[in-house]
Amino acid sequence: MTAETLTHPNQPAVWRDSLDRELLALLQTNARAPAAELARRLGIARTTVLSRLSRLERDGIIAGYTVRLAQDMLAQGLQAFVGLTVQPKAGRSVEARLERMPEARQLCAVSGEFDYVLLLHAESAVRLNALLDEIRNLEGVVKTTTSVALAWKIERT
């Protein structure tokens, strides 16, 4: 096996091998896969899978497990990407307010035209409009630009 480097945003690079990468790829496809199935697919012992999972969790490489909704569930409602420009030094308070919004799915600090890009999920256009009004009225938000997602062409989350 060849050694490769995996990085975690809050930690320095840690050396991992191709087996860890394969294990992570299987988990990204199905985070609920039993250890026995993972072991069978990787051709290793179940105890090896369990010890590697434990280490990957402890080292912060695996931050958690989540539920991924089917495309038809996501189609119920609207998803929109919102570019936000905020006043200098207002970022933390804006982040904290957005974190309390259940419709906020992801928030990324970005370079370029905006300070942040927010992914929103709303059950209707009326709710999306209300959310956008709420976001525009947050103290420190200077400008927003919204693009409604029409279809997901590639999804690897």
Protein backbone atom coordinates (compact mmCIF):
# COMPACT_ATOMS: atom_id res chain seq x y z
CA MET A 1 0.00 0.00 0.00
CA THR A 2 1.16 3.50 -0.69
CA ALA A 3 1.08 6.20 1.96
CA GLU A 4 -1.06 9.23 1.16
CA THR A 5 -1.83 12.42 3.01
CA LEU A 6 -5.35 13.27 4.13
CA THR A 7 -5.93 16.69 5.62
CA HIS A 8 -8.51 17.97 8.02
CA PRO A 9 -9.25 21.71 8.08
CA ASN A 10 -8.49 22.05 11.81
CA GLN A 11 -5.51 19.73 11.97
CA PRO A 12 -2.19 19.35 10.22
CA ALA A 13 -1.85 16.69 7.53
CA VAL A 14 -1.78 13.15 8.88
CA TRP A 15 -0.40 10.17 7.01
CA ARG A 16 -2.93 7.58 5.97
CA ASP A 17 -2.78 4.72 3.53
CA SER A 18 -4.95 3.71 0.60
CA LEU A 19 -7.01 1.41 2.85
CA ASP A 20 -8.19 4.42 4.86
CA ARG A 21 -9.10 6.19 1.64
CA GLU A 22 -11.07 3.17 0.41
CA LEU A 23 -12.84 2.87 3.76
CA LEU A 24 -13.78 6.55 3.68
CA ALA A 25 -15.09 6.22 0.13
CA LEU A 26 -17.33 3.31 1.16
CA LEU A 27 -18.64 5.28 4.13
CA GLN A 28 -19.40 8.28 1.93
CA THR A 29 -21.57 6.00 -0.19
CA ASN A 30 -23.30 4.39 2.81
CA ALA A 31 -22.41 5.59 6.31
CA ARG A 32 -24.68 2.89 7.78
CA ALA A 33 -22.81 -0.02 6.22
CA PRO A 34 -22.04 -2.62 8.89
CA ALA A 35 -18.39 -3.18 9.77
CA ALA A 36 -18.66 -6.78 8.54
CA GLU A 37 -19.77 -5.60 5.08
CA LEU A 38 -17.01 -2.97 4.94
CA ALA A 39 -14.47 -5.63 5.92
CA ARG A 40 -15.72 -8.02 3.25
CA ARG A 41 -15.58 -5.34 0.54
CA LEU A 42 -12.09 -4.26 1.60
CA GLY A 43 -10.80 -7.81 2.09
CA ILE A 44 -9.73 -7.22 5.70
CA ALA A 45 -10.80 -8.31 9.18
CA ARG A 46 -13.83 -6.71 10.84
CA THR A 47 -11.67 -5.76 13.85
CA THR A 48 -9.32 -3.88 11.51
CA VAL A 49 -12.26 -1.87 10.17
CA LEU A 50 -13.42 -1.07 13.70
CA SER A 51 -9.95 0.04 14.85
CA ARG A 52 -9.46 2.20 11.75
CA LEU A 53 -12.89 3.80 12.19
CA SER A 54 -12.08 4.52 15.82
CA ARG A 55 -8.75 6.11 14.88
CA LEU A 56 -10.27 8.16 12.03
CA GLU A 57 -12.94 9.46 14.42
CA ARG A 58 -10.42 10.18 17.19
CA ASP A 59 -8.10 12.01 14.76
CA GLY A 60 -10.98 14.16 13.51
CA ILE A 61 -10.89 12.81 9.96
CA ILE A 62 -14.44 11.48 10.43
CA ALA A 63 -16.35 14.34 12.02
CA GLY A 64 -19.73 12.59 12.12
CA TYR A 65 -22.31 10.57 10.28
CA THR A 66 -25.34 12.04 8.58
CA VAL A 67 -28.48 11.35 6.58
CA ARG A 68 -28.55 12.17 2.88
CA LEU A 69 -32.04 12.81 1.51
CA ALA A 70 -33.14 11.29 -1.79
CA GLN A 71 -33.42 13.62 -4.79
CA ASP A 72 -37.22 13.51 -4.65
CA MET A 73 -37.16 14.67 -1.02
CA LEU A 74 -34.88 17.56 -1.95
CA ALA A 75 -37.23 18.37 -4.83
CA GLN A 76 -39.96 19.09 -2.30
CA GLY A 77 -39.27 22.76 -1.84
CA LEU A 78 -36.50 24.97 -3.11
CA GLN A 79 -32.79 25.11 -2.58
CA ALA A 80 -30.90 28.31 -3.14
CA PHE A 81 -27.32 29.48 -2.96
CA VAL A 82 -27.01 32.87 -1.31
CA GLY A 83 -23.86 34.94 -1.66
CA LEU A 84 -23.43 37.22 1.37
CA THR A 85 -21.27 40.28 1.78
CA VAL A 86 -20.85 41.32 5.40
CA GLN A 87 -19.33 44.28 7.16
CA PRO A 88 -15.80 43.84 8.47
CA LYS A 89 -15.79 42.17 11.90
CA ALA A 90 -19.47 41.14 11.58
CA GLY A 91 -18.73 37.64 10.31
CA ARG A 92 -18.92 35.79 13.62
CA SER A 93 -22.25 37.29 14.63
CA VAL A 94 -23.74 36.61 11.17
CA GLU A 95 -22.44 33.02 11.31
CA ALA A 96 -24.01 32.54 14.74
CA ARG A 97 -27.41 33.82 13.57
CA LEU A 98 -27.36 31.65 10.41
CA GLU A 99 -26.38 28.60 12.45
CA ARG A 100 -29.67 28.91 14.36
CA MET A 101 -31.67 28.84 11.10
CA PRO A 102 -32.83 25.26 10.45
CA GLU A 103 -33.19 25.97 6.72
CA ALA A 104 -29.46 26.81 6.47
CA ARG A 105 -27.82 23.63 5.15
CA GLN A 106 -24.23 24.80 4.59
CA LEU A 107 -22.28 27.99 5.10
CA CYS A 108 -18.88 28.44 3.51
CA ALA A 109 -16.44 31.32 3.86
CA VAL A 110 -15.21 32.00 0.34
CA SER A 111 -12.82 34.18 -1.57
CA GLY A 112 -14.00 36.41 -4.37
CA GLU A 113 -17.04 38.61 -4.72
CA PHE A 114 -18.75 37.38 -1.51
CA ASP A 115 -17.60 36.68 2.02
CA TYR A 116 -19.87 33.64 2.41
CA VAL A 117 -21.99 31.31 0.32
CA LEU A 118 -25.03 29.86 2.10
CA LEU A 119 -27.09 26.89 0.93
CA LEU A 120 -30.74 27.25 1.98
CA HIS A 121 -33.60 24.78 1.76
CA ALA A 122 -37.14 26.16 1.95
CA GLU A 123 -40.44 24.37 1.54
CA SER A 124 -41.87 27.06 -0.74
CA ALA A 125 -41.06 30.24 -2.64
CA VAL A 126 -42.94 32.21 0.02
CA ARG A 127 -40.76 30.72 2.78
CA LEU A 128 -37.59 31.30 0.73
CA ASN A 129 -38.56 34.95 0.30
CA ALA A 130 -39.15 35.30 4.05
CA LEU A 131 -35.77 33.70 4.81
CA LEU A 132 -34.01 36.02 2.39
CA ASP A 133 -35.70 39.03 4.02
CA GLU A 134 -34.58 37.76 7.42
CA ILE A 135 -31.00 37.30 6.21
CA ARG A 136 -30.89 40.71 4.53
CA ASN A 137 -32.02 42.28 7.81
CA LEU A 138 -29.29 40.66 9.91
CA GLU A 139 -27.01 43.24 11.44
CA GLY A 140 -23.77 43.28 9.49
CA VAL A 141 -25.16 41.91 6.20
CA VAL A 142 -24.40 44.41 3.44
CA LYS A 143 -25.61 42.54 0.35
CA THR A 144 -27.04 39.21 -0.76
CA THR A 145 -27.27 37.59 -4.17
CA THR A 146 -29.47 34.52 -4.59
CA SER A 147 -29.46 31.74 -7.17
CA VAL A 148 -32.17 29.09 -6.95
CA ALA A 149 -30.93 25.55 -7.71
CA LEU A 150 -32.90 24.01 -10.58
CA ALA A 151 -31.29 20.54 -10.68
CA TRP A 152 -28.34 18.74 -9.10
CA LYS A 153 -26.10 17.45 -11.87
CA ILE A 154 -23.30 16.01 -9.69
CA GLU A 155 -23.55 15.18 -5.99
CA ARG A 156 -20.80 13.46 -4.05
CA THR A 157 -21.54 14.48 -0.48
